[in-house]
Amino acid sequence: MGFMNTINIVGSGLTAQQTRLDVIAENVTNSQTTRVEEGEGAYRRKMVRFQAVGGRDSFREVMARAAAAGGMVSNSGVNPNAGGVIVTDILEDDSPMKIVYDPTHPDADEEGYLEMPNVDMVKEIADAMAATRAFASNVTAFNTLKSVISSGLEIGR
């Protein structure tokens, strides 16, 4: 696999996890928002949907080709698409809103009940931790690639 393909894969992972962290930050920021701009009630939690992008061959296909070639893997005839991940959608969570009793709130109904966002802070913190770990893993992969490239350049000296 070429170094540029690897950089593209790592970059797509970094971009996807950054988008996920941005959406989580929006959820946390709006966890007390009782009225959205469109006037359709309280803020609804958003979620990010990822999709794997093509890439080369599956691990099984590469291993089969290596076994057939006596351990040598050729890149000839392989799709040059580097693969990676993309964000396909930012979806709204359909879970029910929280209903609280607060007759003093301006958005409360006639009976004093108020619709609050369906944002669960524990879930958001857990998602943020997972996204941060995934982001850090991509940074580690990039730093490892940098080290490999640097070592390869040292061979030529």
C-alpha atoms as a PDB file:
ATOM      1  CA  MET A   1       0.000   0.000   0.000  1.00  0.00           C
ATOM      2  CA  GLY A   2       1.376   3.393  -0.925  1.00  0.00           C
ATOM      3  CA  PHE A   3       2.134   5.955   1.724  1.00  0.00           C
ATOM      4  CA  MET A   4      -0.244   8.481   0.201  1.00  0.00           C
ATOM      5  CA  ASN A   5      -3.118   5.991   0.389  1.00  0.00           C
ATOM      6  CA  THR A   6      -2.359   5.428   4.059  1.00  0.00           C
ATOM      7  CA  ILE A   7      -2.281   9.163   4.707  1.00  0.00           C
ATOM      8  CA  ASN A   8      -5.665   9.474   2.960  1.00  0.00           C
ATOM      9  CA  ILE A   9      -7.152   6.692   5.105  1.00  0.00           C
ATOM     10  CA  VAL A  10      -5.853   8.226   8.339  1.00  0.00           C
ATOM     11  CA  GLY A  11      -7.022  11.674   7.226  1.00  0.00           C
ATOM     12  CA  SER A  12     -10.533  10.410   6.535  1.00  0.00           C
ATOM     13  CA  GLY A  13     -10.642   8.882  10.017  1.00  0.00           C
ATOM     14  CA  LEU A  14      -9.490  12.136  11.601  1.00  0.00           C
ATOM     15  CA  THR A  15     -12.100  14.123   9.676  1.00  0.00           C
ATOM     16  CA  ALA A  16     -14.910  11.704  10.560  1.00  0.00           C
ATOM     17  CA  GLN A  17     -14.077  11.696  14.275  1.00  0.00           C
ATOM     18  CA  GLN A  18     -13.782  15.495  14.312  1.00  0.00           C
ATOM     19  CA  THR A  19     -17.283  15.713  12.819  1.00  0.00           C
ATOM     20  CA  ARG A  20     -18.511  13.291  15.493  1.00  0.00           C
ATOM     21  CA  LEU A  21     -16.962  15.438  18.231  1.00  0.00           C
ATOM     22  CA  ASP A  22     -18.559  18.575  16.726  1.00  0.00           C
ATOM     23  CA  VAL A  23     -22.002  16.939  16.797  1.00  0.00           C
ATOM     24  CA  ILE A  24     -21.473  15.795  20.398  1.00  0.00           C
ATOM     25  CA  ALA A  25     -20.485  19.351  21.360  1.00  0.00           C
ATOM     26  CA  GLU A  26     -23.680  20.637  19.719  1.00  0.00           C
ATOM     27  CA  ASN A  27     -25.731  18.090  21.694  1.00  0.00           C
ATOM     28  CA  VAL A  28     -24.126  19.087  24.987  1.00  0.00           C
ATOM     29  CA  THR A  29     -24.534  22.783  24.218  1.00  0.00           C
ATOM     30  CA  ASN A  30     -28.236  22.349  23.478  1.00  0.00           C
ATOM     31  CA  SER A  31     -29.021  19.962  26.332  1.00  0.00           C
ATOM     32  CA  GLN A  32     -31.295  22.607  27.925  1.00  0.00           C
ATOM     33  CA  THR A  33     -32.721  24.167  24.753  1.00  0.00           C
ATOM     34  CA  THR A  34     -36.507  24.024  24.929  1.00  0.00           C
ATOM     35  CA  ARG A  35     -37.256  25.793  21.650  1.00  0.00           C
ATOM     36  CA  VAL A  36     -35.526  25.351  18.306  1.00  0.00           C
ATOM     37  CA  GLU A  37     -35.359  27.954  15.587  1.00  0.00           C
ATOM     38  CA  GLU A  38     -38.067  26.262  13.507  1.00  0.00           C
ATOM     39  CA  GLY A  39     -40.413  26.377  16.529  1.00  0.00           C
ATOM     40  CA  GLU A  40     -41.018  22.616  16.578  1.00  0.00           C
ATOM     41  CA  GLY A  41     -40.371  22.032  20.271  1.00  0.00           C
ATOM     42  CA  ALA A  42     -37.218  21.139  22.115  1.00  0.00           C
ATOM     43  CA  TYR A  43     -33.823  20.350  20.579  1.00  0.00           C
ATOM     44  CA  ARG A  44     -33.416  16.771  19.332  1.00  0.00           C
ATOM     45  CA  ARG A  45     -30.161  14.924  19.875  1.00  0.00           C
ATOM     46  CA  LYS A  46     -28.119  14.372  16.724  1.00  0.00           C
ATOM     47  CA  MET A  47     -26.009  11.358  15.785  1.00  0.00           C
ATOM     48  CA  VAL A  48     -23.377  10.757  13.097  1.00  0.00           C
ATOM     49  CA  ARG A  49     -23.524   7.844  10.659  1.00  0.00           C
ATOM     50  CA  PHE A  50     -20.243   6.570   9.209  1.00  0.00           C
ATOM     51  CA  GLN A  51     -19.664   4.423   6.148  1.00  0.00           C
ATOM     52  CA  ALA A  52     -16.557   2.531   5.136  1.00  0.00           C
ATOM     53  CA  VAL A  53     -15.277   3.602   1.746  1.00  0.00           C
ATOM     54  CA  GLY A  54     -14.238   0.939  -0.743  1.00  0.00           C
ATOM     55  CA  GLY A  55     -10.575   0.485  -0.266  1.00  0.00           C
ATOM     56  CA  ARG A  56      -8.482  -2.205  -1.761  1.00  0.00           C
ATOM     57  CA  ASP A  57      -9.192  -5.847  -1.139  1.00  0.00           C
ATOM     58  CA  SER A  58     -10.389  -7.591   1.959  1.00  0.00           C
ATOM     59  CA  PHE A  59      -7.806  -9.166   4.237  1.00  0.00           C
ATOM     60  CA  ARG A  60      -8.874 -12.616   3.065  1.00  0.00           C
ATOM     61  CA  GLU A  61      -8.345 -11.688  -0.606  1.00  0.00           C
ATOM     62  CA  VAL A  62      -4.876 -10.277   0.091  1.00  0.00           C
ATOM     63  CA  MET A  63      -3.875 -13.384   2.064  1.00  0.00           C
ATOM     64  CA  ALA A  64      -5.167 -15.698  -0.688  1.00  0.00           C
ATOM     65  CA  ARG A  65      -3.232 -13.765  -3.318  1.00  0.00           C
ATOM     66  CA  ALA A  66      -0.084 -13.859  -1.149  1.00  0.00           C
ATOM     67  CA  ALA A  67      -0.410 -17.615  -0.641  1.00  0.00           C
ATOM     68  CA  ALA A  68      -0.881 -18.178  -4.371  1.00  0.00           C
ATOM     69  CA  ALA A  69       2.182 -16.055  -5.168  1.00  0.00           C
ATOM     70  CA  GLY A  70       4.368 -17.790  -2.600  1.00  0.00           C
ATOM     71  CA  GLY A  71       4.274 -14.913  -0.129  1.00  0.00           C
ATOM     72  CA  MET A  72       4.774 -12.087  -2.610  1.00  0.00           C
ATOM     73  CA  VAL A  73       1.845  -9.708  -2.952  1.00  0.00           C
ATOM     74  CA  SER A  74       1.506  -7.700  -6.125  1.00  0.00           C
ATOM     75  CA  ASN A  75      -0.506  -4.500  -6.365  1.00  0.00           C
ATOM     76  CA  SER A  76      -1.149  -4.958 -10.078  1.00  0.00           C
ATOM     77  CA  GLY A  77      -4.790  -4.859 -11.052  1.00  0.00           C
ATOM     78  CA  VAL A  78      -5.851  -3.460  -7.685  1.00  0.00           C
ATOM     79  CA  ASN A  79      -8.318  -0.594  -7.452  1.00  0.00           C
ATOM     80  CA  PRO A  80      -6.298   2.533  -6.537  1.00  0.00           C
ATOM     81  CA  ASN A  81      -9.056   3.759  -4.197  1.00  0.00           C
ATOM     82  CA  ALA A  82      -7.398   4.114  -0.809  1.00  0.00           C
ATOM     83  CA  GLY A  83     -10.481   3.443   1.293  1.00  0.00           C
ATOM     84  CA  GLY A  84     -11.233   5.036   4.615  1.00  0.00           C
ATOM     85  CA  VAL A  85     -14.417   6.344   6.184  1.00  0.00           C
ATOM     86  CA  ILE A  86     -16.905   9.100   5.412  1.00  0.00           C
ATOM     87  CA  VAL A  87     -19.769  10.722   7.274  1.00  0.00           C
ATOM     88  CA  THR A  88     -22.920   9.842   5.340  1.00  0.00           C
ATOM     89  CA  ASP A  89     -25.544  11.454   7.562  1.00  0.00           C
ATOM     90  CA  ILE A  90     -26.183  13.468  10.665  1.00  0.00           C
ATOM     91  CA  LEU A  91     -29.410  11.998  11.989  1.00  0.00           C
ATOM     92  CA  GLU A  92     -31.841  13.094  14.676  1.00  0.00           C
ATOM     93  CA  ASP A  93     -32.407  10.688  17.573  1.00  0.00           C
ATOM     94  CA  ASP A  94     -36.046   9.513  17.644  1.00  0.00           C
ATOM     95  CA  SER A  95     -36.017   8.631  21.345  1.00  0.00           C
ATOM     96  CA  PRO A  96     -38.765  10.339  23.367  1.00  0.00           C
ATOM     97  CA  MET A  97     -38.238  13.795  24.807  1.00  0.00           C
ATOM     98  CA  LYS A  98     -38.050  14.283  28.568  1.00  0.00           C
ATOM     99  CA  ILE A  99     -41.154  15.801  30.147  1.00  0.00           C
ATOM    100  CA  VAL A 100     -40.657  17.872  33.310  1.00  0.00           C
ATOM    101  CA  TYR A 101     -43.066  19.854  35.433  1.00  0.00           C
ATOM    102  CA  ASP A 102     -42.128  23.554  35.535  1.00  0.00           C
ATOM    103  CA  PRO A 103     -45.155  25.864  35.391  1.00  0.00           C
ATOM    104  CA  THR A 104     -42.917  28.956  35.644  1.00  0.00           C
ATOM    105  CA  HIS A 105     -41.056  28.238  32.400  1.00  0.00           C
ATOM    106  CA  PRO A 106     -42.247  30.326  29.416  1.00  0.00           C
ATOM    107  CA  ASP A 107     -42.358  27.239  27.143  1.00  0.00           C
ATOM    108  CA  ALA A 108     -44.508  25.168  29.534  1.00  0.00           C
ATOM    109  CA  ASP A 109     -47.932  24.068  28.320  1.00  0.00           C
ATOM    110  CA  GLU A 110     -51.228  24.957  30.022  1.00  0.00           C
ATOM    111  CA  GLU A 111     -50.751  22.182  32.600  1.00  0.00           C
ATOM    112  CA  GLY A 112     -47.202  23.327  33.457  1.00  0.00           C
ATOM    113  CA  TYR A 113     -45.324  20.546  31.669  1.00  0.00           C
ATOM    114  CA  LEU A 114     -42.255  21.272  29.608  1.00  0.00           C
ATOM    115  CA  GLU A 115     -40.652  19.229  26.850  1.00  0.00           C
ATOM    116  CA  MET A 116     -36.874  18.972  27.361  1.00  0.00           C
ATOM    117  CA  PRO A 117     -34.274  17.687  24.854  1.00  0.00           C
ATOM    118  CA  ASN A 118     -33.601  13.952  24.624  1.00  0.00           C
ATOM    119  CA  VAL A 119     -29.906  14.533  25.309  1.00  0.00           C
ATOM    120  CA  ASP A 120     -28.439  12.161  27.907  1.00  0.00           C
ATOM    121  CA  MET A 121     -25.195  13.614  29.279  1.00  0.00           C
ATOM    122  CA  VAL A 122     -23.823  10.181  30.243  1.00  0.00           C
ATOM    123  CA  LYS A 123     -24.312   8.966  26.672  1.00  0.00           C
ATOM    124  CA  GLU A 124     -22.729  12.128  25.263  1.00  0.00           C
ATOM    125  CA  ILE A 125     -19.686  11.843  27.528  1.00  0.00           C
ATOM    126  CA  ALA A 126     -19.248   8.169  26.604  1.00  0.00           C
ATOM    127  CA  ASP A 127     -19.547   9.027  22.892  1.00  0.00           C
ATOM    128  CA  ALA A 128     -17.065  11.875  23.307  1.00  0.00           C
ATOM    129  CA  MET A 129     -14.583   9.563  25.021  1.00  0.00           C
ATOM    130  CA  ALA A 130     -14.929   6.973  22.236  1.00  0.00           C
ATOM    131  CA  ALA A 131     -14.505   9.633  19.531  1.00  0.00           C
ATOM    132  CA  THR A 132     -11.470  11.070  21.317  1.00  0.00           C
ATOM    133  CA  ARG A 133      -9.889   7.614  21.547  1.00  0.00           C
ATOM    134  CA  ALA A 134     -10.558   6.939  17.867  1.00  0.00           C
ATOM    135  CA  PHE A 135      -9.095  10.338  16.965  1.00  0.00           C
ATOM    136  CA  ALA A 136      -6.007   9.606  19.082  1.00  0.00           C
ATOM    137  CA  SER A 137      -5.632   6.210  17.408  1.00  0.00           C
ATOM    138  CA  ASN A 138      -5.610   7.882  14.006  1.00  0.00           C
ATOM    139  CA  VAL A 139      -2.971  10.356  15.215  1.00  0.00           C
ATOM    140  CA  THR A 140      -0.870   7.427  16.466  1.00  0.00           C
ATOM    141  CA  ALA A 141      -1.210   5.691  13.094  1.00  0.00           C
ATOM    142  CA  PHE A 142      -0.120   8.899  11.343  1.00  0.00           C
ATOM    143  CA  ASN A 143       2.891   9.333  13.639  1.00  0.00           C
ATOM    144  CA  THR A 144       3.873   5.696  13.042  1.00  0.00           C
ATOM    145  CA  LEU A 145       3.644   6.248   9.292  1.00  0.00           C
ATOM    146  CA  LYS A 146       5.839   9.344   9.635  1.00  0.00           C
ATOM    147  CA  SER A 147       8.391   7.269  11.522  1.00  0.00           C
ATOM    148  CA  VAL A 148       8.355   4.541   8.863  1.00  0.00           C
ATOM    149  CA  ILE A 149       8.831   7.090   6.081  1.00  0.00           C
ATOM    150  CA  SER A 150      11.666   8.737   7.993  1.00  0.00           C
ATOM    151  CA  SER A 151      13.367   5.380   8.558  1.00  0.00           C
ATOM    152  CA  GLY A 152      12.989   4.568   4.878  1.00  0.00           C
ATOM    153  CA  LEU A 153      14.676   7.811   3.931  1.00  0.00           C
ATOM    154  CA  GLU A 154      17.565   7.007   6.303  1.00  0.00           C
ATOM    155  CA  ILE A 155      18.262   3.798   4.363  1.00  0.00           C
ATOM    156  CA  GLY A 156      19.157   5.825   1.294  1.00  0.00           C
ATOM    157  CA  ARG A 157      21.933   7.718   3.041  1.00  0.00           C
END
